[in-house]
Amino acid sequence: MPLSQNRQTGIKVSSLSGWLIVTAAFLFITLLLIVPLAALLWRSGPGWLSNSWQAPAVAAALRLSLFTATLTTLISMLAGTPIAWVLARYRFWGLGLLDTVIDLPMVLPPAVAGVALLVTFGRSGLVGQYTAPLGIELPFTTAAVVIAQIFVAAPFYIRAAKSGFAGVDIHLEQISATLGESTLGTFWRVTLPLARKALIGGAILTWARSLGEFGATILFAGNLTGRTQTMPLAIYTALQSDINTALTLASMLLVTSLTLLILLRAITH
């Protein structure tokens, strides 16, 4: 047989055709993923981390990115957890449509998301035309950065949380109810602990997606240093004048993303 079963690693390659496939896959990944990322770190130089704080734009963009990504994740968890629980536990008319709409930002071009937010919350937008006279103007503010990040990143948390809740045995919740526990108490003491890995994983994905958001942010929030310029926007700006700053920011995002992925794999496994 060309392939043999290995209890620890799954399918073990044991034929020429199998090794050719593995080699081709390895070369493909190396050429398109590993080499570009390694080149980025190499081009940044060994002292990129120690030198990164010398550029004011780097520190300002980093502070803003960490603040907005964290706030976005917290809001997504607070609002997305009950939504995910409803999607996982209830069946009602329009569920499929609601599920599709929630997933839409995950595949929607970020530029489209930015334009949609602008025509909704802009001064003459669908909602903005009523809030602007009250002195509430969202575009080109830090709040706009958070809104843009929520739009594109919250679905990642909702999707992960829904999968986590769906994996909890409903009979355990029913047993909790027969023992006199309220619906909220059952959710807090039974459902959440059993789904915690999925919730934490979703939060990490949401934070990482928020940290890397670019298209919707630059269209809806602009690119104002210290106010709306996050790390991806700072990279875009630095590429036009200071390649070293761009490399530093890009390397920081790369290391952060890699760390988050390692943490995510450790939690989910």
C-alpha atoms as a PDB file:
ATOM      1  CA  MET A   1       0.000   0.000   0.000  1.00  0.00           C
ATOM      2  CA  PRO A   2       1.307   3.502  -0.796  1.00  0.00           C
ATOM      3  CA  LEU A   3       0.219   4.869   2.563  1.00  0.00           C
ATOM      4  CA  SER A   4       0.241   3.304   6.001  1.00  0.00           C
ATOM      5  CA  GLN A   5      -1.609   4.286   9.178  1.00  0.00           C
ATOM      6  CA  ASN A   6       0.272   5.827  12.067  1.00  0.00           C
ATOM      7  CA  ARG A   7      -1.715   6.240  15.292  1.00  0.00           C
ATOM      8  CA  GLN A   8       0.163   9.345  16.388  1.00  0.00           C
ATOM      9  CA  THR A   9       0.618  11.250  13.145  1.00  0.00           C
ATOM     10  CA  GLY A  10      -2.250   9.928  10.993  1.00  0.00           C
ATOM     11  CA  ILE A  11      -1.238   8.882   7.485  1.00  0.00           C
ATOM     12  CA  LYS A  12       2.425   7.997   7.016  1.00  0.00           C
ATOM     13  CA  VAL A  13       3.964   8.604   3.604  1.00  0.00           C
ATOM     14  CA  SER A  14       5.520   5.431   2.253  1.00  0.00           C
ATOM     15  CA  SER A  15       5.529   5.733  -1.550  1.00  0.00           C
ATOM     16  CA  LEU A  16       7.315   7.730  -4.218  1.00  0.00           C
ATOM     17  CA  SER A  17       4.138   9.525  -5.303  1.00  0.00           C
ATOM     18  CA  GLY A  18       3.386  10.435  -1.706  1.00  0.00           C
ATOM     19  CA  TRP A  19       6.852  11.896  -1.196  1.00  0.00           C
ATOM     20  CA  LEU A  20       6.556  13.866  -4.445  1.00  0.00           C
ATOM     21  CA  ILE A  21       3.321  15.429  -3.230  1.00  0.00           C
ATOM     22  CA  VAL A  22       4.827  16.274   0.153  1.00  0.00           C
ATOM     23  CA  THR A  23       7.944  17.744  -1.481  1.00  0.00           C
ATOM     24  CA  ALA A  24       5.888  19.860  -3.880  1.00  0.00           C
ATOM     25  CA  ALA A  25       3.747  21.142  -1.017  1.00  0.00           C
ATOM     26  CA  PHE A  26       6.854  21.942   1.034  1.00  0.00           C
ATOM     27  CA  LEU A  27       8.463  23.829  -1.843  1.00  0.00           C
ATOM     28  CA  PHE A  28       5.249  25.766  -2.471  1.00  0.00           C
ATOM     29  CA  ILE A  29       4.926  26.800   1.176  1.00  0.00           C
ATOM     30  CA  THR A  30       8.619  27.644   1.395  1.00  0.00           C
ATOM     31  CA  LEU A  31       8.639  29.826  -1.697  1.00  0.00           C
ATOM     32  CA  LEU A  32       5.412  31.737  -1.061  1.00  0.00           C
ATOM     33  CA  LEU A  33       5.323  31.883   2.750  1.00  0.00           C
ATOM     34  CA  ILE A  34       8.541  31.077   4.569  1.00  0.00           C
ATOM     35  CA  VAL A  35      10.980  32.876   2.252  1.00  0.00           C
ATOM     36  CA  PRO A  36       9.062  36.225   2.149  1.00  0.00           C
ATOM     37  CA  LEU A  37       8.588  36.255   5.925  1.00  0.00           C
ATOM     38  CA  ALA A  38      12.214  35.327   6.565  1.00  0.00           C
ATOM     39  CA  ALA A  39      13.305  38.003   4.103  1.00  0.00           C
ATOM     40  CA  LEU A  40      11.287  40.577   6.038  1.00  0.00           C
ATOM     41  CA  LEU A  41      13.032  39.736   9.309  1.00  0.00           C
ATOM     42  CA  TRP A  42      16.436  39.572   7.592  1.00  0.00           C
ATOM     43  CA  ARG A  43      15.942  42.936   5.887  1.00  0.00           C
ATOM     44  CA  SER A  44      14.864  44.512   9.169  1.00  0.00           C
ATOM     45  CA  GLY A  45      18.207  43.606  10.697  1.00  0.00           C
ATOM     46  CA  PRO A  46      19.060  42.044  14.056  1.00  0.00           C
ATOM     47  CA  GLY A  47      18.385  45.242  15.997  1.00  0.00           C
ATOM     48  CA  TRP A  48      14.914  45.997  14.666  1.00  0.00           C
ATOM     49  CA  LEU A  49      13.216  45.467  18.027  1.00  0.00           C
ATOM     50  CA  SER A  50      15.626  47.603  20.051  1.00  0.00           C
ATOM     51  CA  ASN A  51      15.579  50.361  17.437  1.00  0.00           C
ATOM     52  CA  SER A  52      11.824  50.354  16.922  1.00  0.00           C
ATOM     53  CA  TRP A  53      11.068  52.771  19.746  1.00  0.00           C
ATOM     54  CA  GLN A  54      13.306  55.477  18.284  1.00  0.00           C
ATOM     55  CA  ALA A  55      10.666  56.423  15.706  1.00  0.00           C
ATOM     56  CA  PRO A  56       7.755  58.339  17.273  1.00  0.00           C
ATOM     57  CA  ALA A  57       5.373  57.020  14.616  1.00  0.00           C
ATOM     58  CA  VAL A  58       6.118  53.444  15.668  1.00  0.00           C
ATOM     59  CA  ALA A  59       5.292  54.010  19.340  1.00  0.00           C
ATOM     60  CA  ALA A  60       2.138  56.010  18.554  1.00  0.00           C
ATOM     61  CA  ALA A  61       0.856  53.452  16.067  1.00  0.00           C
ATOM     62  CA  LEU A  62       1.643  50.577  18.422  1.00  0.00           C
ATOM     63  CA  ARG A  63      -0.190  52.179  21.359  1.00  0.00           C
ATOM     64  CA  LEU A  64      -3.243  52.936  19.249  1.00  0.00           C
ATOM     65  CA  SER A  65      -3.300  49.467  17.687  1.00  0.00           C
ATOM     66  CA  LEU A  66      -3.031  47.683  21.029  1.00  0.00           C
ATOM     67  CA  PHE A  67      -5.741  49.885  22.565  1.00  0.00           C
ATOM     68  CA  THR A  68      -8.235  49.615  19.715  1.00  0.00           C
ATOM     69  CA  ALA A  69      -7.668  45.897  19.110  1.00  0.00           C
ATOM     70  CA  THR A  70      -8.190  45.136  22.805  1.00  0.00           C
ATOM     71  CA  LEU A  71     -11.305  47.306  23.010  1.00  0.00           C
ATOM     72  CA  THR A  72     -12.669  45.723  19.831  1.00  0.00           C
ATOM     73  CA  THR A  73     -12.132  42.247  21.236  1.00  0.00           C
ATOM     74  CA  LEU A  74     -13.875  43.076  24.515  1.00  0.00           C
ATOM     75  CA  ILE A  75     -16.879  44.588  22.742  1.00  0.00           C
ATOM     76  CA  SER A  76     -17.032  41.650  20.336  1.00  0.00           C
ATOM     77  CA  MET A  77     -17.032  39.217  23.259  1.00  0.00           C
ATOM     78  CA  LEU A  78     -19.727  41.083  25.181  1.00  0.00           C
ATOM     79  CA  ALA A  79     -22.019  41.461  22.174  1.00  0.00           C
ATOM     80  CA  GLY A  80     -21.025  38.328  20.275  1.00  0.00           C
ATOM     81  CA  THR A  81     -21.326  35.744  23.059  1.00  0.00           C
ATOM     82  CA  PRO A  82     -25.133  35.923  23.411  1.00  0.00           C
ATOM     83  CA  ILE A  83     -25.509  36.109  19.628  1.00  0.00           C
ATOM     84  CA  ALA A  84     -23.395  32.996  19.191  1.00  0.00           C
ATOM     85  CA  TRP A  85     -25.350  31.187  21.915  1.00  0.00           C
ATOM     86  CA  VAL A  86     -28.667  31.983  20.207  1.00  0.00           C
ATOM     87  CA  LEU A  87     -27.326  30.824  16.838  1.00  0.00           C
ATOM     88  CA  ALA A  88     -26.098  27.568  18.360  1.00  0.00           C
ATOM     89  CA  ARG A  89     -29.138  26.747  20.486  1.00  0.00           C
ATOM     90  CA  TYR A  90     -32.251  28.045  18.728  1.00  0.00           C
ATOM     91  CA  ARG A  91     -33.921  27.371  15.397  1.00  0.00           C
ATOM     92  CA  PHE A  92     -36.110  30.097  13.915  1.00  0.00           C
ATOM     93  CA  TRP A  93     -37.156  31.524  10.578  1.00  0.00           C
ATOM     94  CA  GLY A  94     -34.340  33.520   8.999  1.00  0.00           C
ATOM     95  CA  LEU A  95     -31.570  31.744  10.907  1.00  0.00           C
ATOM     96  CA  GLY A  96     -29.728  30.867   7.716  1.00  0.00           C
ATOM     97  CA  LEU A  97     -29.932  34.427   6.458  1.00  0.00           C
ATOM     98  CA  LEU A  98     -28.701  35.817   9.788  1.00  0.00           C
ATOM     99  CA  ASP A  99     -25.855  33.318   9.796  1.00  0.00           C
ATOM    100  CA  THR A 100     -24.853  34.377   6.286  1.00  0.00           C
ATOM    101  CA  VAL A 101     -24.974  38.095   7.095  1.00  0.00           C
ATOM    102  CA  ILE A 102     -22.732  37.578  10.125  1.00  0.00           C
ATOM    103  CA  ASP A 103     -20.206  35.699   8.007  1.00  0.00           C
ATOM    104  CA  LEU A 104     -20.312  38.236   5.169  1.00  0.00           C
ATOM    105  CA  PRO A 105     -17.664  40.647   6.601  1.00  0.00           C
ATOM    106  CA  MET A 106     -15.195  37.745   6.680  1.00  0.00           C
ATOM    107  CA  VAL A 107     -15.215  37.543   2.871  1.00  0.00           C
ATOM    108  CA  LEU A 108     -16.224  41.109   2.042  1.00  0.00           C
ATOM    109  CA  PRO A 109     -13.407  43.294   0.629  1.00  0.00           C
ATOM    110  CA  PRO A 110     -12.308  45.683   3.422  1.00  0.00           C
ATOM    111  CA  ALA A 111     -12.685  48.657   1.064  1.00  0.00           C
ATOM    112  CA  VAL A 112     -16.367  47.821   0.649  1.00  0.00           C
ATOM    113  CA  ALA A 113     -16.735  47.685   4.426  1.00  0.00           C
ATOM    114  CA  GLY A 114     -15.117  51.117   4.766  1.00  0.00           C
ATOM    115  CA  VAL A 115     -17.416  52.682   2.172  1.00  0.00           C
ATOM    116  CA  ALA A 116     -20.466  51.065   3.808  1.00  0.00           C
ATOM    117  CA  LEU A 117     -19.510  52.487   7.203  1.00  0.00           C
ATOM    118  CA  LEU A 118     -18.846  55.902   5.685  1.00  0.00           C
ATOM    119  CA  VAL A 119     -22.246  56.155   3.976  1.00  0.00           C
ATOM    120  CA  THR A 120     -23.875  55.013   7.219  1.00  0.00           C
ATOM    121  CA  PHE A 121     -22.102  57.083   9.858  1.00  0.00           C
ATOM    122  CA  GLY A 122     -20.747  59.976   7.747  1.00  0.00           C
ATOM    123  CA  ARG A 123     -22.109  63.496   8.141  1.00  0.00           C
ATOM    124  CA  SER A 124     -24.655  62.912   5.382  1.00  0.00           C
ATOM    125  CA  GLY A 125     -24.964  59.166   5.972  1.00  0.00           C
ATOM    126  CA  LEU A 126     -28.014  57.158   6.855  1.00  0.00           C
ATOM    127  CA  VAL A 127     -27.348  57.487  10.586  1.00  0.00           C
ATOM    128  CA  GLY A 128     -24.781  60.274  10.604  1.00  0.00           C
ATOM    129  CA  GLN A 129     -27.201  62.886   9.282  1.00  0.00           C
ATOM    130  CA  TYR A 130     -29.107  62.591  12.554  1.00  0.00           C
ATOM    131  CA  THR A 131     -26.130  62.309  14.923  1.00  0.00           C
ATOM    132  CA  ALA A 132     -24.013  65.089  13.366  1.00  0.00           C
ATOM    133  CA  PRO A 133     -26.351  67.922  14.527  1.00  0.00           C
ATOM    134  CA  LEU A 134     -26.014  66.496  18.046  1.00  0.00           C
ATOM    135  CA  GLY A 135     -22.243  66.850  17.865  1.00  0.00           C
ATOM    136  CA  ILE A 136     -21.643  63.117  17.416  1.00  0.00           C
ATOM    137  CA  GLU A 137     -19.301  62.622  14.464  1.00  0.00           C
ATOM    138  CA  LEU A 138     -17.662  59.230  14.134  1.00  0.00           C
ATOM    139  CA  PRO A 139     -15.618  59.303  10.887  1.00  0.00           C
ATOM    140  CA  PHE A 140     -11.911  60.089  11.242  1.00  0.00           C
ATOM    141  CA  THR A 141     -11.891  59.490  14.998  1.00  0.00           C
ATOM    142  CA  THR A 142     -10.475  56.754  17.204  1.00  0.00           C
ATOM    143  CA  ALA A 143     -14.041  55.497  17.677  1.00  0.00           C
ATOM    144  CA  ALA A 144     -14.217  54.996  13.906  1.00  0.00           C
ATOM    145  CA  VAL A 145     -11.140  52.749  14.112  1.00  0.00           C
ATOM    146  CA  VAL A 146     -12.887  50.565  16.693  1.00  0.00           C
ATOM    147  CA  ILE A 147     -16.115  50.437  14.661  1.00  0.00           C
ATOM    148  CA  ALA A 148     -14.219  49.419  11.526  1.00  0.00           C
ATOM    149  CA  GLN A 149     -12.376  46.717  13.441  1.00  0.00           C
ATOM    150  CA  ILE A 150     -15.585  45.395  14.983  1.00  0.00           C
ATOM    151  CA  PHE A 151     -17.220  45.235  11.557  1.00  0.00           C
ATOM    152  CA  VAL A 152     -14.491  43.034  10.087  1.00  0.00           C
ATOM    153  CA  ALA A 153     -13.281  41.121  13.171  1.00  0.00           C
ATOM    154  CA  ALA A 154     -16.336  40.376  15.346  1.00  0.00           C
ATOM    155  CA  PRO A 155     -17.595  37.626  12.996  1.00  0.00           C
ATOM    156  CA  PHE A 156     -14.449  35.626  13.761  1.00  0.00           C
ATOM    157  CA  TYR A 157     -15.377  35.548  17.446  1.00  0.00           C
ATOM    158  CA  ILE A 158     -19.061  34.829  16.804  1.00  0.00           C
ATOM    159  CA  ARG A 159     -18.206  31.953  14.481  1.00  0.00           C
ATOM    160  CA  ALA A 160     -15.756  30.396  16.964  1.00  0.00           C
ATOM    161  CA  ALA A 161     -18.121  30.904  19.907  1.00  0.00           C
ATOM    162  CA  LYS A 162     -21.015  29.360  17.996  1.00  0.00           C
ATOM    163  CA  SER A 163     -18.939  26.257  17.276  1.00  0.00           C
ATOM    164  CA  GLY A 164     -17.964  26.061  20.932  1.00  0.00           C
ATOM    165  CA  PHE A 165     -21.545  26.318  22.172  1.00  0.00           C
ATOM    166  CA  ALA A 166     -22.752  23.818  19.571  1.00  0.00           C
ATOM    167  CA  GLY A 167     -20.188  21.348  20.901  1.00  0.00           C
ATOM    168  CA  VAL A 168     -21.596  21.480  24.430  1.00  0.00           C
ATOM    169  CA  ASP A 169     -23.947  18.573  25.161  1.00  0.00           C
ATOM    170  CA  ILE A 170     -27.408  20.081  25.565  1.00  0.00           C
ATOM    171  CA  HIS A 171     -28.330  17.300  27.986  1.00  0.00           C
ATOM    172  CA  LEU A 172     -25.871  18.736  30.506  1.00  0.00           C
ATOM    173  CA  GLU A 173     -27.739  22.038  30.379  1.00  0.00           C
ATOM    174  CA  GLN A 174     -31.037  20.199  30.835  1.00  0.00           C
ATOM    175  CA  ILE A 175     -29.686  18.335  33.845  1.00  0.00           C
ATOM    176  CA  SER A 176     -28.552  21.633  35.345  1.00  0.00           C
ATOM    177  CA  ALA A 177     -32.062  23.019  34.882  1.00  0.00           C
ATOM    178  CA  THR A 178     -33.653  19.989  36.582  1.00  0.00           C
ATOM    179  CA  LEU A 179     -31.362  20.604  39.559  1.00  0.00           C
ATOM    180  CA  GLY A 180     -32.903  24.032  40.006  1.00  0.00           C
ATOM    181  CA  GLU A 181     -30.336  26.164  38.211  1.00  0.00           C
ATOM    182  CA  SER A 182     -31.666  29.144  36.261  1.00  0.00           C
ATOM    183  CA  THR A 183     -31.045  29.587  32.542  1.00  0.00           C
ATOM    184  CA  LEU A 184     -28.466  32.285  33.230  1.00  0.00           C
ATOM    185  CA  GLY A 185     -26.853  30.206  35.963  1.00  0.00           C
ATOM    186  CA  THR A 186     -26.644  27.197  33.666  1.00  0.00           C
ATOM    187  CA  PHE A 187     -25.085  29.306  30.948  1.00  0.00           C
ATOM    188  CA  TRP A 188     -22.529  30.764  33.372  1.00  0.00           C
ATOM    189  CA  ARG A 189     -21.637  27.586  35.284  1.00  0.00           C
ATOM    190  CA  VAL A 190     -22.031  24.882  32.632  1.00  0.00           C
ATOM    191  CA  THR A 191     -22.051  26.195  29.069  1.00  0.00           C
ATOM    192  CA  LEU A 192     -19.324  28.824  29.295  1.00  0.00           C
ATOM    193  CA  PRO A 193     -16.730  26.628  31.051  1.00  0.00           C
ATOM    194  CA  LEU A 194     -17.250  23.811  28.542  1.00  0.00           C
ATOM    195  CA  ALA A 195     -16.946  26.179  25.577  1.00  0.00           C
ATOM    196  CA  ARG A 196     -14.094  28.248  27.006  1.00  0.00           C
ATOM    197  CA  LYS A 197     -11.431  26.979  24.589  1.00  0.00           C
ATOM    198  CA  ALA A 198     -13.485  28.030  21.589  1.00  0.00           C
ATOM    199  CA  LEU A 199     -14.251  31.406  23.168  1.00  0.00           C
ATOM    200  CA  ILE A 200     -10.602  32.096  23.963  1.00  0.00           C
ATOM    201  CA  GLY A 201      -9.570  30.982  20.483  1.00  0.00           C
ATOM    202  CA  GLY A 202     -12.182  33.261  18.926  1.00  0.00           C
ATOM    203  CA  ALA A 203     -11.009  36.176  21.049  1.00  0.00           C
ATOM    204  CA  ILE A 204      -7.416  35.641  19.900  1.00  0.00           C
ATOM    205  CA  LEU A 205      -8.472  35.531  16.246  1.00  0.00           C
ATOM    206  CA  THR A 206     -10.559  38.680  16.711  1.00  0.00           C
ATOM    207  CA  TRP A 207      -7.679  40.531  18.358  1.00  0.00           C
ATOM    208  CA  ALA A 208      -5.261  39.484  15.629  1.00  0.00           C
ATOM    209  CA  ARG A 209      -7.694  40.440  12.856  1.00  0.00           C
ATOM    210  CA  SER A 210      -8.287  43.816  14.500  1.00  0.00           C
ATOM    211  CA  LEU A 211      -4.568  44.420  14.791  1.00  0.00           C
ATOM    212  CA  GLY A 212      -4.099  43.855  11.063  1.00  0.00           C
ATOM    213  CA  GLU A 213      -7.143  45.745   9.791  1.00  0.00           C
ATOM    214  CA  PHE A 214      -6.326  48.255   7.040  1.00  0.00           C
ATOM    215  CA  GLY A 215      -8.873  48.809   4.250  1.00  0.00           C
ATOM    216  CA  ALA A 216     -11.993  49.665   6.224  1.00  0.00           C
ATOM    217  CA  THR A 217      -9.978  51.751   8.682  1.00  0.00           C
ATOM    218  CA  ILE A 218      -8.258  54.006   6.162  1.00  0.00           C
ATOM    219  CA  LEU A 219     -11.546  54.742   4.365  1.00  0.00           C
ATOM    220  CA  PHE A 220     -13.722  55.283   7.425  1.00  0.00           C
ATOM    221  CA  ALA A 221     -11.245  56.548  10.033  1.00  0.00           C
ATOM    222  CA  GLY A 222      -8.527  58.077   7.884  1.00  0.00           C
ATOM    223  CA  ASN A 223      -4.798  58.012   8.525  1.00  0.00           C
ATOM    224  CA  LEU A 224      -4.155  60.596  11.246  1.00  0.00           C
ATOM    225  CA  THR A 225      -1.005  60.097  13.315  1.00  0.00           C
ATOM    226  CA  GLY A 226      -1.766  59.459  16.983  1.00  0.00           C
ATOM    227  CA  ARG A 227      -5.503  59.456  16.345  1.00  0.00           C
ATOM    228  CA  THR A 228      -6.433  56.880  13.719  1.00  0.00           C
ATOM    229  CA  GLN A 229      -3.093  55.671  12.361  1.00  0.00           C
ATOM    230  CA  THR A 230      -2.779  52.048  13.427  1.00  0.00           C
ATOM    231  CA  MET A 231       0.232  49.882  12.646  1.00  0.00           C
ATOM    232  CA  PRO A 232      -0.907  48.721   9.179  1.00  0.00           C
ATOM    233  CA  LEU A 233      -1.630  52.329   8.216  1.00  0.00           C
ATOM    234  CA  ALA A 234       1.731  53.418   9.603  1.00  0.00           C
ATOM    235  CA  ILE A 235       3.415  50.776   7.432  1.00  0.00           C
ATOM    236  CA  TYR A 236       1.610  52.137   4.380  1.00  0.00           C
ATOM    237  CA  THR A 237       2.688  55.693   5.207  1.00  0.00           C
ATOM    238  CA  ALA A 238       6.284  54.763   6.059  1.00  0.00           C
ATOM    239  CA  LEU A 239       6.754  52.889   2.783  1.00  0.00           C
ATOM    240  CA  GLN A 240       6.506  56.236   0.991  1.00  0.00           C
ATOM    241  CA  SER A 241       9.309  57.906   2.941  1.00  0.00           C
ATOM    242  CA  ASP A 242      11.030  55.675   5.538  1.00  0.00           C
ATOM    243  CA  ILE A 243      11.503  52.046   4.587  1.00  0.00           C
ATOM    244  CA  ASN A 244      13.237  51.236   7.893  1.00  0.00           C
ATOM    245  CA  THR A 245      10.202  52.286   9.925  1.00  0.00           C
ATOM    246  CA  ALA A 246       7.956  50.255   7.627  1.00  0.00           C
ATOM    247  CA  LEU A 247      10.175  47.197   8.087  1.00  0.00           C
ATOM    248  CA  THR A 248      10.169  47.646  11.858  1.00  0.00           C
ATOM    249  CA  LEU A 249       6.384  47.844  12.052  1.00  0.00           C
ATOM    250  CA  ALA A 250       5.961  44.923   9.670  1.00  0.00           C
ATOM    251  CA  SER A 251       8.365  42.793  11.712  1.00  0.00           C
ATOM    252  CA  MET A 252       6.507  43.642  14.906  1.00  0.00           C
ATOM    253  CA  LEU A 253       3.201  42.591  13.356  1.00  0.00           C
ATOM    254  CA  LEU A 254       4.767  39.402  12.025  1.00  0.00           C
ATOM    255  CA  VAL A 255       6.176  38.375  15.404  1.00  0.00           C
ATOM    256  CA  THR A 256       2.919  39.289  17.144  1.00  0.00           C
ATOM    257  CA  SER A 257       0.832  37.263  14.688  1.00  0.00           C
ATOM    258  CA  LEU A 258       3.153  34.263  14.983  1.00  0.00           C
ATOM    259  CA  THR A 259       2.980  34.427  18.777  1.00  0.00           C
ATOM    260  CA  LEU A 260      -0.811  34.569  18.694  1.00  0.00           C
ATOM    261  CA  LEU A 261      -1.015  31.574  16.372  1.00  0.00           C
ATOM    262  CA  ILE A 262       1.256  29.536  18.640  1.00  0.00           C
ATOM    263  CA  LEU A 263      -0.876  30.522  21.627  1.00  0.00           C
ATOM    264  CA  LEU A 264      -4.054  29.643  19.747  1.00  0.00           C
ATOM    265  CA  ARG A 265      -2.746  26.202  18.822  1.00  0.00           C
ATOM    266  CA  ALA A 266      -1.659  25.590  22.414  1.00  0.00           C
ATOM    267  CA  ILE A 267      -5.129  26.500  23.711  1.00  0.00           C
ATOM    268  CA  THR A 268      -7.175  24.610  21.143  1.00  0.00           C
ATOM    269  CA  HIS A 269      -5.075  21.437  21.487  1.00  0.00           C
END
